[in-house]
């Protein structure tokens, strides 16, 4: 009787959602080890700031046990977690924009740190940072994370055609910016 050998590297296991919901720190740590890098990359691309991206990932994990009350365990957990990260990043960006507007009214200038995404060349990342957030969000979700326009529309609360238009405008602007830099 020949038994199949066990693979030397086991595939990642699905998180124990019940344990995370219950606040088990080991289960939460396992989810963090498995998904934090992808979440940080997405948040960095959406916020264009490493400090803000780290805040977003932190906020997601702090609220994760409670957020899992809305998780129905259909589809991929990773996709759900990235959608949650997107929502938190957008809320964080809106909150930051309100604070910056308030600070600028008080005469206090706020300057964000220029961060570099190691996955994107410096000049391309710089061009991406110059896009308006609405265009950058759609570009990142569609081109870099390959979400369909219907999903982008649902996450951002816009129509599918608005998502398509924003992607088109974002690509046009990036092309113009990159031509100038070349």
Protein backbone atom coordinates (compact mmCIF):
# COMPACT_ATOMS: atom_id res chain seq x y z
CA UNK A 1 0.00 0.00 0.00
CA UNK A 2 1.74 3.12 -1.24
CA UNK A 3 0.65 6.29 0.47
CA UNK A 4 1.10 9.59 -1.28
CA UNK A 5 3.86 11.63 0.30
CA UNK A 6 2.85 14.79 2.10
CA UNK A 7 3.88 17.96 0.32
CA UNK A 8 6.86 19.67 1.86
CA UNK A 9 5.03 22.99 1.98
CA UNK A 10 1.41 22.95 3.05
CA UNK A 11 -0.95 25.37 1.29
CA UNK A 12 -2.17 28.27 3.40
CA UNK A 13 -5.18 27.30 5.45
CA UNK A 14 -8.43 29.18 5.55
CA UNK A 15 -8.66 31.36 8.65
CA UNK A 16 -10.62 30.14 11.62
CA UNK A 17 -13.27 32.82 11.26
CA UNK A 18 -15.08 31.78 14.43
CA UNK A 19 -11.87 32.08 16.44
CA UNK A 20 -11.12 35.54 15.02
CA UNK A 21 -14.72 36.63 15.68
CA UNK A 22 -14.27 35.48 19.28
CA UNK A 23 -11.14 37.62 19.59
CA UNK A 24 -8.59 34.79 19.64
CA UNK A 25 -5.23 36.57 19.29
CA UNK A 26 -3.51 33.54 17.71
CA UNK A 27 -6.17 33.29 15.00
CA UNK A 28 -5.94 37.03 14.35
CA UNK A 29 -2.14 36.78 14.16
CA UNK A 30 -2.46 33.96 11.62
CA UNK A 31 -4.72 36.11 9.43
CA UNK A 32 -2.25 38.98 9.77
CA UNK A 33 0.72 36.82 8.72
CA UNK A 34 -1.18 35.49 5.73
CA UNK A 35 -2.78 38.70 4.39
CA UNK A 36 -1.10 41.84 5.80
CA UNK A 37 1.43 42.23 2.96
CA UNK A 38 -1.27 42.24 0.26
CA UNK A 39 -3.42 44.58 2.34
CA UNK A 40 -0.52 46.98 2.89
CA UNK A 41 0.32 47.01 -0.83
CA UNK A 42 -3.30 47.81 -1.73
CA UNK A 43 -3.60 50.48 0.97
CA UNK A 44 -0.29 52.05 -0.10
CA UNK A 45 -1.45 52.27 -3.68
CA UNK A 46 -4.78 53.78 -2.68
CA UNK A 47 -3.48 56.31 -0.16
CA UNK A 48 -0.07 57.00 -1.74
CA UNK A 49 1.45 57.24 1.75
CA UNK A 50 3.18 54.49 3.70
CA UNK A 51 2.16 55.96 7.05
CA UNK A 52 -1.48 56.17 5.96
CA UNK A 53 -1.34 52.65 4.50
CA UNK A 54 0.00 51.28 7.79
CA UNK A 55 -2.79 53.11 9.64
CA UNK A 56 -5.35 51.54 7.31
CA UNK A 57 -4.07 48.00 7.85
CA UNK A 58 -3.95 48.61 11.60
CA UNK A 59 -7.54 49.89 11.57
CA UNK A 60 -8.71 46.86 9.59
CA UNK A 61 -7.16 44.43 12.05
CA UNK A 62 -8.43 46.29 15.11
CA UNK A 63 -11.98 46.12 13.75
CA UNK A 64 -11.69 42.68 12.13
CA UNK A 65 -13.42 40.61 14.85
CA UNK A 66 -16.44 42.92 14.66
CA UNK A 67 -16.33 43.21 10.85
CA UNK A 68 -16.43 39.43 10.56
CA UNK A 69 -20.01 39.56 11.83
CA UNK A 70 -20.86 40.69 8.27
CA UNK A 71 -18.72 38.05 6.55
CA UNK A 72 -20.89 35.27 5.12
CA UNK A 73 -18.07 32.83 4.31
CA UNK A 74 -18.86 32.55 0.64
CA UNK A 75 -16.25 33.34 -1.92
CA UNK A 76 -12.64 33.92 -1.02
CA UNK A 77 -11.76 35.35 2.37
CA UNK A 78 -8.80 37.21 0.83
CA UNK A 79 -11.06 39.02 -1.65
CA UNK A 80 -13.43 40.03 1.15
CA UNK A 81 -10.50 41.24 3.24
CA UNK A 82 -9.14 43.32 0.33
CA UNK A 83 -12.59 44.88 -0.22
CA UNK A 84 -12.67 45.74 3.48
CA UNK A 85 -9.18 47.25 3.21
CA UNK A 86 -10.34 49.33 0.24
CA UNK A 87 -13.32 50.69 2.17
CA UNK A 88 -11.19 51.56 5.20
CA UNK A 89 -8.55 53.22 2.97
CA UNK A 90 -11.22 55.35 1.30
CA UNK A 91 -12.70 56.36 4.65
CA UNK A 92 -9.21 57.15 5.95
CA UNK A 93 -8.47 59.28 2.90
CA UNK A 94 -11.73 61.21 3.28
CA UNK A 95 -11.00 61.82 6.96
CA UNK A 96 -7.45 62.95 6.15
CA UNK A 97 -8.72 65.31 3.43
CA UNK A 98 -11.17 66.89 5.88
CA UNK A 99 -8.39 67.39 8.41
CA UNK A 100 -6.08 68.89 5.76
CA UNK A 101 -8.81 71.29 4.65
CA UNK A 102 -9.40 72.32 8.24
CA UNK A 103 -5.66 72.75 8.86
CA UNK A 104 -5.21 74.79 5.69
CA UNK A 105 -8.01 77.07 6.85
CA UNK A 106 -6.07 77.57 10.07
CA UNK A 107 -2.99 78.52 8.06
CA UNK A 108 -1.14 75.30 8.88
CA UNK A 109 0.27 73.58 5.84
CA UNK A 110 0.33 69.79 5.90
CA UNK A 111 2.83 68.00 3.75
CA UNK A 112 2.60 64.25 3.31
CA UNK A 113 5.70 62.12 3.18
CA UNK A 114 6.67 60.96 -0.27
CA UNK A 115 6.64 57.18 -0.13
CA UNK A 116 7.87 54.71 -2.67
CA UNK A 117 6.12 51.50 -3.59
CA UNK A 118 8.80 48.92 -4.30
CA UNK A 119 6.53 47.21 -6.82
CA UNK A 120 6.27 50.26 -9.08
CA UNK A 121 9.10 52.27 -10.64
CA UNK A 122 9.69 55.66 -9.02
CA UNK A 123 8.54 57.76 -11.96
CA UNK A 124 5.40 55.70 -12.53
CA UNK A 125 4.55 55.83 -8.85
CA UNK A 126 5.13 59.56 -8.82
CA UNK A 127 2.78 59.96 -11.77
CA UNK A 128 0.19 57.78 -10.03
CA UNK A 129 0.38 60.03 -6.96
CA UNK A 130 -0.54 63.05 -9.06
CA UNK A 131 -3.86 61.58 -10.15
CA UNK A 132 -6.93 62.82 -8.34
CA UNK A 133 -7.97 60.24 -5.73
CA UNK A 134 -11.15 59.30 -7.63
CA UNK A 135 -9.12 58.41 -10.73
CA UNK A 136 -6.30 56.77 -8.76
CA UNK A 137 -8.72 54.54 -6.82
CA UNK A 138 -10.32 53.17 -9.98
CA UNK A 139 -6.94 52.75 -11.71
CA UNK A 140 -5.45 50.84 -8.77
CA UNK A 141 -8.47 48.58 -8.31
CA UNK A 142 -8.90 47.82 -12.03
CA UNK A 143 -5.36 47.72 -13.40
CA UNK A 144 -3.26 46.67 -10.44
CA UNK A 145 -5.77 44.47 -8.60
CA UNK A 146 -7.82 43.39 -11.62
CA UNK A 147 -11.24 43.96 -10.09
CA UNK A 148 -14.08 44.14 -12.62
CA UNK A 149 -15.81 47.49 -13.09
CA UNK A 150 -18.98 46.14 -11.48
CA UNK A 151 -17.09 45.36 -8.26
CA UNK A 152 -15.26 48.70 -8.34
CA UNK A 153 -18.58 50.49 -8.78
CA UNK A 154 -20.05 48.62 -5.81
CA UNK A 155 -17.06 49.30 -3.55
CA UNK A 156 -16.74 52.98 -4.46
CA UNK A 157 -20.47 53.66 -4.63
CA UNK A 158 -20.42 54.81 -8.27
CA UNK A 159 -21.94 53.51 -11.49
CA UNK A 160 -20.14 51.05 -13.74
CA UNK A 161 -19.94 53.68 -16.48
CA UNK A 162 -18.42 56.17 -14.01
CA UNK A 163 -15.79 53.56 -13.16
CA UNK A 164 -15.01 53.06 -16.83
CA UNK A 165 -14.80 56.81 -17.48
CA UNK A 166 -12.53 57.35 -14.47
CA UNK A 167 -10.23 54.57 -15.63
CA UNK A 168 -10.05 56.06 -19.12
CA UNK A 169 -9.31 59.55 -17.77
CA UNK A 170 -6.73 58.19 -15.33
CA UNK A 171 -4.91 56.30 -18.09
CA UNK A 172 -4.92 59.40 -20.32
CA UNK A 173 -3.48 61.56 -17.55
CA UNK A 174 -0.84 58.98 -16.67
CA UNK A 175 0.24 58.73 -20.31
CA UNK A 176 0.63 62.51 -20.52
CA UNK A 177 2.59 62.67 -17.28
CA UNK A 178 4.87 59.79 -18.21
CA UNK A 179 5.58 61.29 -21.64
CA UNK A 180 6.78 64.46 -19.93
CA UNK A 181 9.00 62.46 -17.57
CA UNK A 182 10.51 60.30 -20.32
